[in-house]
Amino acid sequence: KGKKGKKKKKKGGGAGAAGPSQETMAAAEGDEAPSEAAEAAKKAEEERMIRLLEKCHEERIRFGITAASQAAASAVVAEAVRLDAEADEAEEEAEADKEALAAAEAALDEARAARDARRAAA
């Protein structure tokens, strides 16, 4: 029996095969499409940001927000945050005081019980 040989791949360009120069052109055209899409996406994002900025500006005017009123509001918020932190700290101190008082009362009860036990033994 004869060996079955592998068929060799044909090299070279037939009518339907793309040659090396055609492959580079196709790759270049493929590269242009993503860059054009990226450019279009970038432009759309810029337009969206401009519309958002315009909307924010219009709302600031409509609500009468000025730099001074915004600074005053920021100061009020900062003060509220500071007071909230102080309140949290005061609550923690009160809880610690409550625990210390409970421990002191327990120690006092133990001391009284020990005293009563000594008196009863005497």
PDB file of N, CA and C in Angstrom:
ATOM      1  N   LYS A   1       0.842  -1.194   0.000  1.00  0.00           N
ATOM      2  CA  LYS A   1       0.000   0.000   0.000  1.00  0.00           C
ATOM      3  C   LYS A   1       0.871   1.235   0.000  1.00  0.00           C
ATOM      4  N   GLY A   2       0.407   2.238  -0.678  1.00  0.00           N
ATOM      5  CA  GLY A   2       1.147   3.482  -0.740  1.00  0.00           C
ATOM      6  C   GLY A   2       0.763   4.405   0.404  1.00  0.00           C
ATOM      7  N   LYS A   3       1.684   5.270   0.736  1.00  0.00           N
ATOM      8  CA  LYS A   3       1.411   6.232   1.810  1.00  0.00           C
ATOM      9  C   LYS A   3       0.540   7.348   1.270  1.00  0.00           C
ATOM     10  N   LYS A   4      -0.344   7.759   2.136  1.00  0.00           N
ATOM     11  CA  LYS A   4      -1.173   8.897   1.746  1.00  0.00           C
ATOM     12  C   LYS A   4      -0.398  10.158   2.084  1.00  0.00           C
ATOM     13  N   GLY A   5      -0.153  10.967   1.137  1.00  0.00           N
ATOM     14  CA  GLY A   5       0.607  12.186   1.363  1.00  0.00           C
ATOM     15  C   GLY A   5      -0.300  13.357   1.694  1.00  0.00           C
ATOM     16  N   LYS A   6       0.294  14.288   2.400  1.00  0.00           N
ATOM     17  CA  LYS A   6      -0.462  15.500   2.728  1.00  0.00           C
ATOM     18  C   LYS A   6      -0.446  16.413   1.528  1.00  0.00           C
ATOM     19  N   LYS A   7      -1.532  17.078   1.332  1.00  0.00           N
ATOM     20  CA  LYS A   7      -1.591  18.026   0.226  1.00  0.00           C
ATOM     21  C   LYS A   7      -0.869  19.293   0.641  1.00  0.00           C
ATOM     22  N   LYS A   8      -0.086  19.827  -0.243  1.00  0.00           N
ATOM     23  CA  LYS A   8       0.618  21.068   0.037  1.00  0.00           C
ATOM     24  C   LYS A   8      -0.310  22.238  -0.230  1.00  0.00           C
ATOM     25  N   LYS A   9      -0.150  23.256   0.627  1.00  0.00           N
ATOM     26  CA  LYS A   9      -0.940  24.465   0.411  1.00  0.00           C
ATOM     27  C   LYS A   9      -0.338  25.234  -0.741  1.00  0.00           C
ATOM     28  N   LYS A  10      -1.193  25.741  -1.558  1.00  0.00           N
ATOM     29  CA  LYS A  10      -0.722  26.509  -2.702  1.00  0.00           C
ATOM     30  C   LYS A  10      -0.356  27.902  -2.238  1.00  0.00           C
ATOM     31  N   LYS A  11       0.733  28.386  -2.729  1.00  0.00           N
ATOM     32  CA  LYS A  11       1.149  29.748  -2.420  1.00  0.00           C
ATOM     33  C   LYS A  11       0.948  30.595  -3.648  1.00  0.00           C
ATOM     34  N   GLY A  12       0.913  31.867  -3.447  1.00  0.00           N
ATOM     35  CA  GLY A  12       0.763  32.739  -4.598  1.00  0.00           C
ATOM     36  C   GLY A  12      -0.655  33.233  -4.693  1.00  0.00           C
ATOM     37  N   GLY A  13      -0.844  34.191  -5.523  1.00  0.00           N
ATOM     38  CA  GLY A  13      -2.151  34.809  -5.602  1.00  0.00           C
ATOM     39  C   GLY A  13      -2.917  34.337  -6.793  1.00  0.00           C
ATOM     40  N   GLY A  14      -4.029  33.802  -6.517  1.00  0.00           N
ATOM     41  CA  GLY A  14      -4.966  33.488  -7.575  1.00  0.00           C
ATOM     42  C   GLY A  14      -5.887  34.672  -7.720  1.00  0.00           C
ATOM     43  N   ALA A  15      -6.912  34.514  -8.456  1.00  0.00           N
ATOM     44  CA  ALA A  15      -7.840  35.617  -8.676  1.00  0.00           C
ATOM     45  C   ALA A  15      -8.544  36.017  -7.382  1.00  0.00           C
ATOM     46  N   GLY A  16      -8.837  35.041  -6.504  1.00  0.00           N
ATOM     47  CA  GLY A  16      -9.594  35.358  -5.290  1.00  0.00           C
ATOM     48  C   GLY A  16      -8.726  35.630  -4.084  1.00  0.00           C
ATOM     49  N   ALA A  17      -7.431  35.362  -4.141  1.00  0.00           N
ATOM     50  CA  ALA A  17      -6.576  35.518  -2.963  1.00  0.00           C
ATOM     51  C   ALA A  17      -6.056  36.945  -2.887  1.00  0.00           C
ATOM     52  N   ALA A  18      -5.948  37.442  -1.668  1.00  0.00           N
ATOM     53  CA  ALA A  18      -5.430  38.789  -1.469  1.00  0.00           C
ATOM     54  C   ALA A  18      -3.925  38.714  -1.325  1.00  0.00           C
ATOM     55  N   GLY A  19      -3.241  39.513  -2.072  1.00  0.00           N
ATOM     56  CA  GLY A  19      -1.792  39.551  -1.993  1.00  0.00           C
ATOM     57  C   GLY A  19      -1.347  40.383  -0.808  1.00  0.00           C
ATOM     58  N   PRO A  20      -0.036  40.434  -0.556  1.00  0.00           N
ATOM     59  CA  PRO A  20       0.474  41.183   0.593  1.00  0.00           C
ATOM     60  C   PRO A  20       0.082  42.651   0.580  1.00  0.00           C
ATOM     61  N   SER A  21       0.090  43.298  -0.570  1.00  0.00           N
ATOM     62  CA  SER A  21      -0.259  44.720  -0.616  1.00  0.00           C
ATOM     63  C   SER A  21      -1.746  44.915  -0.344  1.00  0.00           C
ATOM     64  N   GLN A  22      -2.562  43.976  -0.791  1.00  0.00           N
ATOM     65  CA  GLN A  22      -4.004  44.084  -0.540  1.00  0.00           C
ATOM     66  C   GLN A  22      -4.302  43.867   0.941  1.00  0.00           C
ATOM     67  N   GLU A  23      -3.540  42.964   1.594  1.00  0.00           N
ATOM     68  CA  GLU A  23      -3.757  42.704   3.020  1.00  0.00           C
ATOM     69  C   GLU A  23      -3.436  43.941   3.837  1.00  0.00           C
ATOM     70  N   THR A  24      -2.361  44.659   3.488  1.00  0.00           N
ATOM     71  CA  THR A  24      -2.004  45.862   4.238  1.00  0.00           C
ATOM     72  C   THR A  24      -3.053  46.946   4.072  1.00  0.00           C
ATOM     73  N   MET A  25      -3.597  47.075   2.898  1.00  0.00           N
ATOM     74  CA  MET A  25      -4.637  48.080   2.672  1.00  0.00           C
ATOM     75  C   MET A  25      -5.885  47.739   3.470  1.00  0.00           C
ATOM     76  N   ALA A  26      -6.230  46.456   3.506  1.00  0.00           N
ATOM     77  CA  ALA A  26      -7.416  46.045   4.263  1.00  0.00           C
ATOM     78  C   ALA A  26      -7.199  46.301   5.748  1.00  0.00           C
ATOM     79  N   ALA A  27      -5.977  46.038   6.238  1.00  0.00           N
ATOM     80  CA  ALA A  27      -5.678  46.281   7.653  1.00  0.00           C
ATOM     81  C   ALA A  27      -5.741  47.769   7.956  1.00  0.00           C
ATOM     82  N   ALA A  28      -5.238  48.600   7.046  1.00  0.00           N
ATOM     83  CA  ALA A  28      -5.269  50.046   7.250  1.00  0.00           C
ATOM     84  C   ALA A  28      -6.701  50.550   7.289  1.00  0.00           C
ATOM     85  N   GLU A  29      -7.545  50.023   6.408  1.00  0.00           N
ATOM     86  CA  GLU A  29      -8.955  50.426   6.419  1.00  0.00           C
ATOM     87  C   GLU A  29      -9.627  49.972   7.708  1.00  0.00           C
ATOM     88  N   GLY A  30      -9.246  48.800   8.204  1.00  0.00           N
ATOM     89  CA  GLY A  30      -9.800  48.309   9.464  1.00  0.00           C
ATOM     90  C   GLY A  30      -9.378  49.172  10.633  1.00  0.00           C
ATOM     91  N   ASP A  31      -8.148  49.723  10.590  1.00  0.00           N
ATOM     92  CA  ASP A  31      -7.667  50.594  11.656  1.00  0.00           C
ATOM     93  C   ASP A  31      -8.393  51.929  11.645  1.00  0.00           C
ATOM     94  N   GLU A  32      -8.774  52.399  10.461  1.00  0.00           N
ATOM     95  CA  GLU A  32      -9.465  53.684  10.362  1.00  0.00           C
ATOM     96  C   GLU A  32     -10.835  53.632  11.014  1.00  0.00           C
ATOM     97  N   ALA A  33     -11.524  52.521  10.880  1.00  0.00           N
ATOM     98  CA  ALA A  33     -12.879  52.421  11.431  1.00  0.00           C
ATOM     99  C   ALA A  33     -12.887  52.573  12.951  1.00  0.00           C
ATOM    100  N   PRO A  34     -12.010  51.876  13.702  1.00  0.00           N
ATOM    101  CA  PRO A  34     -12.018  52.078  15.155  1.00  0.00           C
ATOM    102  C   PRO A  34     -11.620  53.491  15.555  1.00  0.00           C
ATOM    103  N   SER A  35     -10.647  54.095  14.843  1.00  0.00           N
ATOM    104  CA  SER A  35     -10.240  55.449  15.214  1.00  0.00           C
ATOM    105  C   SER A  35     -11.352  56.445  14.912  1.00  0.00           C
ATOM    106  N   GLU A  36     -12.079  56.227  13.815  1.00  0.00           N
ATOM    107  CA  GLU A  36     -13.219  57.102  13.515  1.00  0.00           C
ATOM    108  C   GLU A  36     -14.310  56.927  14.562  1.00  0.00           C
ATOM    109  N   ALA A  37     -14.542  55.688  14.980  1.00  0.00           N
ATOM    110  CA  ALA A  37     -15.554  55.429  16.009  1.00  0.00           C
ATOM    111  C   ALA A  37     -15.132  56.053  17.332  1.00  0.00           C
ATOM    112  N   ALA A  38     -13.848  55.941  17.658  1.00  0.00           N
ATOM    113  CA  ALA A  38     -13.347  56.532  18.901  1.00  0.00           C
ATOM    114  C   ALA A  38     -13.472  58.048  18.856  1.00  0.00           C
ATOM    115  N   GLU A  39     -13.161  58.630  17.709  1.00  0.00           N
ATOM    116  CA  GLU A  39     -13.279  60.085  17.544  1.00  0.00           C
ATOM    117  C   GLU A  39     -14.730  60.529  17.678  1.00  0.00           C
ATOM    118  N   ALA A  40     -15.642  59.768  17.083  1.00  0.00           N
ATOM    119  CA  ALA A  40     -17.069  60.103  17.172  1.00  0.00           C
ATOM    120  C   ALA A  40     -17.554  59.977  18.611  1.00  0.00           C
ATOM    121  N   ALA A  41     -17.096  58.953  19.310  1.00  0.00           N
ATOM    122  CA  ALA A  41     -17.489  58.771  20.714  1.00  0.00           C
ATOM    123  C   ALA A  41     -16.946  59.911  21.569  1.00  0.00           C
ATOM    124  N   LYS A  42     -15.706  60.323  21.299  1.00  0.00           N
ATOM    125  CA  LYS A  42     -15.101  61.431  22.043  1.00  0.00           C
ATOM    126  C   LYS A  42     -15.883  62.719  21.814  1.00  0.00           C
ATOM    127  N   LYS A  43     -16.246  62.964  20.557  1.00  0.00           N
ATOM    128  CA  LYS A  43     -16.997  64.176  20.225  1.00  0.00           C
ATOM    129  C   LYS A  43     -18.375  64.154  20.883  1.00  0.00           C
ATOM    130  N   ALA A  44     -19.033  62.990  20.875  1.00  0.00           N
ATOM    131  CA  ALA A  44     -20.353  62.867  21.508  1.00  0.00           C
ATOM    132  C   ALA A  44     -20.247  63.108  23.011  1.00  0.00           C
ATOM    133  N   GLU A  45     -19.178  62.607  23.631  1.00  0.00           N
ATOM    134  CA  GLU A  45     -18.979  62.809  25.071  1.00  0.00           C
ATOM    135  C   GLU A  45     -18.739  64.287  25.376  1.00  0.00           C
ATOM    136  N   GLU A  46     -17.961  64.956  24.544  1.00  0.00           N
ATOM    137  CA  GLU A  46     -17.722  66.390  24.732  1.00  0.00           C
ATOM    138  C   GLU A  46     -19.029  67.170  24.628  1.00  0.00           C
ATOM    139  N   GLU A  47     -19.852  66.834  23.637  1.00  0.00           N
ATOM    140  CA  GLU A  47     -21.138  67.517  23.470  1.00  0.00           C
ATOM    141  C   GLU A  47     -22.050  67.261  24.669  1.00  0.00           C
ATOM    142  N   ARG A  48     -22.033  66.031  25.177  1.00  0.00           N
ATOM    143  CA  ARG A  48     -22.852  65.698  26.348  1.00  0.00           C
ATOM    144  C   ARG A  48     -22.398  66.510  27.564  1.00  0.00           C
ATOM    145  N   MET A  49     -21.088  66.641  27.738  1.00  0.00           N
ATOM    146  CA  MET A  49     -20.556  67.401  28.869  1.00  0.00           C
ATOM    147  C   MET A  49     -20.900  68.886  28.743  1.00  0.00           C
ATOM    148  N   ILE A  50     -20.847  69.418  27.532  1.00  0.00           N
ATOM    149  CA  ILE A  50     -21.198  70.825  27.317  1.00  0.00           C
ATOM    150  C   ILE A  50     -22.669  71.057  27.647  1.00  0.00           C
ATOM    151  N   ARG A  51     -23.548  70.148  27.188  1.00  0.00           N
ATOM    152  CA  ARG A  51     -24.984  70.281  27.507  1.00  0.00           C
ATOM    153  C   ARG A  51     -25.217  70.205  29.014  1.00  0.00           C
ATOM    154  N   LEU A  52     -24.500  69.319  29.691  1.00  0.00           N
ATOM    155  CA  LEU A  52     -24.639  69.191  31.141  1.00  0.00           C
ATOM    156  C   LEU A  52     -24.177  70.462  31.842  1.00  0.00           C
ATOM    157  N   LEU A  53     -23.074  71.019  31.392  1.00  0.00           N
ATOM    158  CA  LEU A  53     -22.565  72.261  31.966  1.00  0.00           C
ATOM    159  C   LEU A  53     -23.559  73.402  31.756  1.00  0.00           C
ATOM    160  N   GLU A  54     -24.129  73.487  30.558  1.00  0.00           N
ATOM    161  CA  GLU A  54     -25.135  74.519  30.279  1.00  0.00           C
ATOM    162  C   GLU A  54     -26.353  74.346  31.177  1.00  0.00           C
ATOM    163  N   LYS A  55     -26.787  73.109  31.364  1.00  0.00           N
ATOM    164  CA  LYS A  55     -27.946  72.836  32.219  1.00  0.00           C
ATOM    165  C   LYS A  55     -27.653  73.247  33.664  1.00  0.00           C
ATOM    166  N   CYS A  56     -26.465  72.912  34.146  1.00  0.00           N
ATOM    167  CA  CYS A  56     -26.089  73.298  35.513  1.00  0.00           C
ATOM    168  C   CYS A  56     -26.059  74.817  35.657  1.00  0.00           C
ATOM    169  N   HIS A  57     -25.522  75.497  34.655  1.00  0.00           N
ATOM    170  CA  HIS A  57     -25.455  76.954  34.692  1.00  0.00           C
ATOM    171  C   HIS A  57     -26.865  77.553  34.725  1.00  0.00           C
ATOM    172  N   GLU A  58     -27.756  77.023  33.885  1.00  0.00           N
ATOM    173  CA  GLU A  58     -29.139  77.518  33.864  1.00  0.00           C
ATOM    174  C   GLU A  58     -29.829  77.284  35.207  1.00  0.00           C
ATOM    175  N   GLU A  59     -29.587  76.138  35.821  1.00  0.00           N
ATOM    176  CA  GLU A  59     -30.221  75.852  37.112  1.00  0.00           C
ATOM    177  C   GLU A  59     -29.656  76.734  38.212  1.00  0.00           C
ATOM    178  N   ARG A  60     -28.364  77.027  38.163  1.00  0.00           N
ATOM    179  CA  ARG A  60     -27.782  77.942  39.154  1.00  0.00           C
ATOM    180  C   ARG A  60     -28.456  79.312  39.046  1.00  0.00           C
ATOM    181  N   ILE A  61     -28.695  79.764  37.814  1.00  0.00           N
ATOM    182  CA  ILE A  61     -29.362  81.050  37.612  1.00  0.00           C
ATOM    183  C   ILE A  61     -30.807  80.969  38.095  1.00  0.00           C
ATOM    184  N   ARG A  62     -31.493  79.889  37.725  1.00  0.00           N
ATOM    185  CA  ARG A  62     -32.908  79.739  38.084  1.00  0.00           C
ATOM    186  C   ARG A  62     -33.100  79.703  39.604  1.00  0.00           C
ATOM    187  N   PHE A  63     -32.196  79.020  40.313  1.00  0.00           N
ATOM    188  CA  PHE A  63     -32.330  78.909  41.768  1.00  0.00           C
ATOM    189  C   PHE A  63     -31.616  80.030  42.508  1.00  0.00           C
ATOM    190  N   GLY A  64     -30.992  80.939  41.785  1.00  0.00           N
ATOM    191  CA  GLY A  64     -30.330  82.078  42.412  1.00  0.00           C
ATOM    192  C   GLY A  64     -29.073  81.693  43.178  1.00  0.00           C
ATOM    193  N   ILE A  65     -28.386  80.686  42.708  1.00  0.00           N
ATOM    194  CA  ILE A  65     -27.169  80.251  43.389  1.00  0.00           C
ATOM    195  C   ILE A  65     -26.016  81.131  42.923  1.00  0.00           C
ATOM    196  N   THR A  66     -25.381  81.770  43.902  1.00  0.00           N
ATOM    197  CA  THR A  66     -24.208  82.590  43.605  1.00  0.00           C
ATOM    198  C   THR A  66     -23.017  81.987  44.338  1.00  0.00           C
ATOM    199  N   ALA A  67     -21.842  82.511  44.058  1.00  0.00           N
ATOM    200  CA  ALA A  67     -20.647  82.022  44.750  1.00  0.00           C
ATOM    201  C   ALA A  67     -20.777  82.267  46.253  1.00  0.00           C
ATOM    202  N   ALA A  68     -21.333  83.426  46.618  1.00  0.00           N
ATOM    203  CA  ALA A  68     -21.483  83.758  48.036  1.00  0.00           C
ATOM    204  C   ALA A  68     -22.490  82.835  48.718  1.00  0.00           C
ATOM    205  N   SER A  69     -23.633  82.594  48.056  1.00  0.00           N
ATOM    206  CA  SER A  69     -24.637  81.726  48.682  1.00  0.00           C
ATOM    207  C   SER A  69     -24.135  80.286  48.764  1.00  0.00           C
ATOM    208  N   GLN A  70     -23.361  79.871  47.777  1.00  0.00           N
ATOM    209  CA  GLN A  70     -22.806  78.521  47.808  1.00  0.00           C
ATOM    210  C   GLN A  70     -21.772  78.398  48.931  1.00  0.00           C
ATOM    211  N   ALA A  71     -20.959  79.429  49.128  1.00  0.00           N
ATOM    212  CA  ALA A  71     -19.972  79.416  50.209  1.00  0.00           C
ATOM    213  C   ALA A  71     -20.669  79.388  51.564  1.00  0.00           C
ATOM    214  N   ALA A  72     -21.756  80.159  51.691  1.00  0.00           N
ATOM    215  CA  ALA A  72     -22.508  80.167  52.945  1.00  0.00           C
ATOM    216  C   ALA A  72     -23.121  78.795  53.214  1.00  0.00           C
ATOM    217  N   ALA A  73     -23.663  78.173  52.184  1.00  0.00           N
ATOM    218  CA  ALA A  73     -24.246  76.836  52.344  1.00  0.00           C
ATOM    219  C   ALA A  73     -23.170  75.823  52.725  1.00  0.00           C
ATOM    220  N   SER A  74     -22.007  75.944  52.134  1.00  0.00           N
ATOM    221  CA  SER A  74     -20.904  75.042  52.472  1.00  0.00           C
ATOM    222  C   SER A  74     -20.484  75.224  53.925  1.00  0.00           C
ATOM    223  N   ALA A  75     -20.485  76.462  54.391  1.00  0.00           N
ATOM    224  CA  ALA A  75     -20.135  76.732  55.787  1.00  0.00           C
ATOM    225  C   ALA A  75     -21.165  76.112  56.727  1.00  0.00           C
ATOM    226  N   VAL A  76     -22.440  76.200  56.361  1.00  0.00           N
ATOM    227  CA  VAL A  76     -23.501  75.604  57.182  1.00  0.00           C
ATOM    228  C   VAL A  76     -23.336  74.087  57.241  1.00  0.00           C
ATOM    229  N   VAL A  77     -23.036  73.489  56.107  1.00  0.00           N
ATOM    230  CA  VAL A  77     -22.835  72.032  56.066  1.00  0.00           C
ATOM    231  C   VAL A  77     -21.629  71.645  56.918  1.00  0.00           C
ATOM    232  N   ALA A  78     -20.544  72.400  56.813  1.00  0.00           N
ATOM    233  CA  ALA A  78     -19.346  72.111  57.603  1.00  0.00           C
ATOM    234  C   ALA A  78     -19.647  72.208  59.095  1.00  0.00           C
ATOM    235  N   GLU A  79     -20.426  73.212  59.482  1.00  0.00           N
ATOM    236  CA  GLU A  79     -20.807  73.366  60.895  1.00  0.00           C
ATOM    237  C   GLU A  79     -21.667  72.193  61.352  1.00  0.00           C
ATOM    238  N   ALA A  80     -22.592  71.758  60.511  1.00  0.00           N
ATOM    239  CA  ALA A  80     -23.447  70.616  60.855  1.00  0.00           C
ATOM    240  C   ALA A  80     -22.610  69.347  61.027  1.00  0.00           C
ATOM    241  N   VAL A  81     -21.630  69.167  60.172  1.00  0.00           N
ATOM    242  CA  VAL A  81     -20.747  67.998  60.284  1.00  0.00           C
ATOM    243  C   VAL A  81     -19.953  68.062  61.586  1.00  0.00           C
ATOM    244  N   ARG A  82     -19.451  69.262  61.919  1.00  0.00           N
ATOM    245  CA  ARG A  82     -18.688  69.432  63.162  1.00  0.00           C
ATOM    246  C   ARG A  82     -19.556  69.133  64.378  1.00  0.00           C
ATOM    247  N   LEU A  83     -20.779  69.669  64.386  1.00  0.00           N
ATOM    248  CA  LEU A  83     -21.683  69.431  65.514  1.00  0.00           C
ATOM    249  C   LEU A  83     -22.063  67.955  65.625  1.00  0.00           C
ATOM    250  N   ASP A  84     -22.246  67.304  64.498  1.00  0.00           N
ATOM    251  CA  ASP A  84     -22.568  65.877  64.505  1.00  0.00           C
ATOM    252  C   ASP A  84     -21.419  65.072  65.109  1.00  0.00           C
ATOM    253  N   ALA A  85     -20.189  65.438  64.754  1.00  0.00           N
ATOM    254  CA  ALA A  85     -19.019  64.748  65.306  1.00  0.00           C
ATOM    255  C   ALA A  85     -18.925  64.975  66.812  1.00  0.00           C
ATOM    256  N   GLU A  86     -19.207  66.205  67.253  1.00  0.00           N
ATOM    257  CA  GLU A  86     -19.194  66.503  68.688  1.00  0.00           C
ATOM    258  C   GLU A  86     -20.266  65.700  69.420  1.00  0.00           C
ATOM    259  N   ALA A  87     -21.441  65.587  68.825  1.00  0.00           N
ATOM    260  CA  ALA A  87     -22.523  64.819  69.442  1.00  0.00           C
ATOM    261  C   ALA A  87     -22.141  63.344  69.554  1.00  0.00           C
ATOM    262  N   ASP A  88     -21.522  62.805  68.511  1.00  0.00           N
ATOM    263  CA  ASP A  88     -21.069  61.410  68.561  1.00  0.00           C
ATOM    264  C   ASP A  88     -20.055  61.210  69.680  1.00  0.00           C
ATOM    265  N   GLU A  89     -19.129  62.160  69.803  1.00  0.00           N
ATOM    266  CA  GLU A  89     -18.110  62.069  70.851  1.00  0.00           C
ATOM    267  C   GLU A  89     -18.751  62.153  72.238  1.00  0.00           C
ATOM    268  N   ALA A  90     -19.727  63.047  72.401  1.00  0.00           N
ATOM    269  CA  ALA A  90     -20.412  63.180  73.689  1.00  0.00           C
ATOM    270  C   ALA A  90     -21.172  61.900  74.035  1.00  0.00           C
ATOM    271  N   GLU A  91     -21.797  61.278  73.031  1.00  0.00           N
ATOM    272  CA  GLU A  91     -22.504  60.014  73.273  1.00  0.00           C
ATOM    273  C   GLU A  91     -21.537  58.921  73.706  1.00  0.00           C
ATOM    274  N   GLU A  92     -20.363  58.870  73.081  1.00  0.00           N
ATOM    275  CA  GLU A  92     -19.362  57.873  73.450  1.00  0.00           C
ATOM    276  C   GLU A  92     -18.876  58.104  74.878  1.00  0.00           C
ATOM    277  N   GLU A  93     -18.648  59.377  75.237  1.00  0.00           N
ATOM    278  CA  GLU A  93     -18.222  59.697  76.603  1.00  0.00           C
ATOM    279  C   GLU A  93     -19.301  59.328  77.613  1.00  0.00           C
ATOM    280  N   ALA A  94     -20.556  59.605  77.285  1.00  0.00           N
ATOM    281  CA  ALA A  94     -21.656  59.266  78.187  1.00  0.00           C
ATOM    282  C   ALA A  94     -21.751  57.752  78.372  1.00  0.00           C
ATOM    283  N   GLU A  95     -21.559  57.008  77.295  1.00  0.00           N
ATOM    284  CA  GLU A  95     -21.590  55.538  77.378  1.00  0.00           C
ATOM    285  C   GLU A  95     -20.439  55.038  78.247  1.00  0.00           C
ATOM    286  N   ALA A  96     -19.256  55.631  78.083  1.00  0.00           N
ATOM    287  CA  ALA A  96     -18.098  55.246  78.897  1.00  0.00           C
ATOM    288  C   ALA A  96     -18.351  55.580  80.363  1.00  0.00           C
ATOM    289  N   ASP A  97     -18.948  56.751  80.636  1.00  0.00           N
ATOM    290  CA  ASP A  97     -19.276  57.134  82.015  1.00  0.00           C
ATOM    291  C   ASP A  97     -20.281  56.161  82.624  1.00  0.00           C
ATOM    292  N   LYS A  98     -21.272  55.762  81.816  1.00  0.00           N
ATOM    293  CA  LYS A  98     -22.291  54.823  82.291  1.00  0.00           C
ATOM    294  C   LYS A  98     -21.650  53.477  82.654  1.00  0.00           C
ATOM    295  N   GLU A  99     -20.723  53.012  81.817  1.00  0.00           N
ATOM    296  CA  GLU A  99     -20.031  51.751  82.084  1.00  0.00           C
ATOM    297  C   GLU A  99     -19.156  51.866  83.327  1.00  0.00           C
ATOM    298  N   ALA A 100     -18.477  53.007  83.494  1.00  0.00           N
ATOM    299  CA  ALA A 100     -17.636  53.224  84.674  1.00  0.00           C
ATOM    300  C   ALA A 100     -18.493  53.255  85.937  1.00  0.00           C
ATOM    301  N   LEU A 101     -19.655  53.893  85.861  1.00  0.00           N
ATOM    302  CA  LEU A 101     -20.565  53.945  87.006  1.00  0.00           C
ATOM    303  C   LEU A 101     -21.049  52.546  87.369  1.00  0.00           C
ATOM    304  N   ALA A 102     -21.401  51.756  86.380  1.00  0.00           N
ATOM    305  CA  ALA A 102     -21.856  50.384  86.634  1.00  0.00           C
ATOM    306  C   ALA A 102     -20.743  49.565  87.279  1.00  0.00           C
ATOM    307  N   ALA A 103     -19.503  49.740  86.821  1.00  0.00           N
ATOM    308  CA  ALA A 103     -18.372  49.016  87.406  1.00  0.00           C
ATOM    309  C   ALA A 103     -18.139  49.460  88.844  1.00  0.00           C
ATOM    310  N   ALA A 104     -18.257  50.766  89.107  1.00  0.00           N
ATOM    311  CA  ALA A 104     -18.069  51.285  90.465  1.00  0.00           C
ATOM    312  C   ALA A 104     -19.157  50.762  91.397  1.00  0.00           C
ATOM    313  N   GLU A 105     -20.398  50.730  90.926  1.00  0.00           N
ATOM    314  CA  GLU A 105     -21.495  50.205  91.747  1.00  0.00           C
ATOM    315  C   GLU A 105     -21.295  48.723  92.042  1.00  0.00           C
ATOM    316  N   ALA A 106     -20.810  47.974  91.055  1.00  0.00           N
ATOM    317  CA  ALA A 106     -20.544  46.547  91.269  1.00  0.00           C
ATOM    318  C   ALA A 106     -19.433  46.364  92.298  1.00  0.00           C
ATOM    319  N   ALA A 107     -18.386  47.190  92.224  1.00  0.00           N
ATOM    320  CA  ALA A 107     -17.287  47.110  93.192  1.00  0.00           C
ATOM    321  C   ALA A 107     -17.778  47.473  94.586  1.00  0.00           C
ATOM    322  N   LEU A 108     -18.642  48.490  94.670  1.00  0.00           N
ATOM    323  CA  LEU A 108     -19.208  48.887  95.964  1.00  0.00           C
ATOM    324  C   LEU A 108     -20.053  47.759  96.551  1.00  0.00           C
ATOM    325  N   ASP A 109     -20.855  47.109  95.728  1.00  0.00           N
ATOM    326  CA  ASP A 109     -21.669  45.978  96.185  1.00  0.00           C
ATOM    327  C   ASP A 109     -20.783  44.842  96.692  1.00  0.00           C
ATOM    328  N   GLU A 110     -19.676  44.573  96.010  1.00  0.00           N
ATOM    329  CA  GLU A 110     -18.753  43.523  96.450  1.00  0.00           C
ATOM    330  C   GLU A 110     -18.117  43.891  97.786  1.00  0.00           C
ATOM    331  N   ALA A 111     -17.733  45.178  97.929  1.00  0.00           N
ATOM    332  CA  ALA A 111     -17.115  45.629  99.182  1.00  0.00           C
ATOM    333  C   ALA A 111     -18.105  45.509 100.333  1.00  0.00           C
ATOM    334  N   ARG A 112     -19.343  45.880 100.110  1.00  0.00           N
ATOM    335  CA  ARG A 112     -20.370  45.759 101.158  1.00  0.00           C
ATOM    336  C   ARG A 112     -20.605  44.292 101.525  1.00  0.00           C
ATOM    337  N   ALA A 113     -20.645  43.453 100.507  1.00  0.00           N
ATOM    338  CA  ALA A 113     -20.848  42.024 100.764  1.00  0.00           C
ATOM    339  C   ALA A 113     -19.681  41.462 101.564  1.00  0.00           C
ATOM    340  N   ALA A 114     -18.465  41.884 101.264  1.00  0.00           N
ATOM    341  CA  ALA A 114     -17.287  41.416 102.005  1.00  0.00           C
ATOM    342  C   ALA A 114     -17.335  41.924 103.440  1.00  0.00           C
ATOM    343  N   ARG A 115     -17.736  43.177 103.620  1.00  0.00           N
ATOM    344  CA  ARG A 115     -17.856  43.747 104.968  1.00  0.00           C
ATOM    345  C   ARG A 115     -18.893  42.979 105.775  1.00  0.00           C
ATOM    346  N   ASP A 116     -20.048  42.735 105.148  1.00  0.00           N
ATOM    347  CA  ASP A 116     -21.112  42.009 105.845  1.00  0.00           C
ATOM    348  C   ASP A 116     -20.660  40.595 106.201  1.00  0.00           C
ATOM    349  N   ALA A 117     -19.876  39.987 105.328  1.00  0.00           N
ATOM    350  CA  ALA A 117     -19.379  38.633 105.599  1.00  0.00           C
ATOM    351  C   ALA A 117     -18.406  38.652 106.771  1.00  0.00           C
ATOM    352  N   ARG A 118     -17.532  39.695 106.862  1.00  0.00           N
ATOM    353  CA  ARG A 118     -16.588  39.803 107.988  1.00  0.00           C
ATOM    354  C   ARG A 118     -17.339  40.020 109.292  1.00  0.00           C
ATOM    355  N   ARG A 119     -18.358  40.860 109.254  1.00  0.00           N
ATOM    356  CA  ARG A 119     -19.147  41.127 110.477  1.00  0.00           C
ATOM    357  C   ARG A 119     -19.871  39.869 110.945  1.00  0.00           C
ATOM    358  N   ALA A 120     -20.382  39.126 109.986  1.00  0.00           N
ATOM    359  CA  ALA A 120     -21.118  37.911 110.351  1.00  0.00           C
ATOM    360  C   ALA A 120     -20.164  36.869 110.925  1.00  0.00           C
ATOM    361  N   ALA A 121     -18.917  36.861 110.456  1.00  0.00           N
ATOM    362  CA  ALA A 121     -17.942  35.885 110.941  1.00  0.00           C
ATOM    363  C   ALA A 121     -17.415  36.277 112.313  1.00  0.00           C
ATOM    364  N   ALA A 122     -17.448  37.533 112.663  1.00  0.00           N
ATOM    365  CA  ALA A 122     -16.884  38.003 113.931  1.00  0.00           C
ATOM    366  C   ALA A 122     -17.779  37.799 115.093  1.00  0.00           C
TER     367      ALA A 122
END
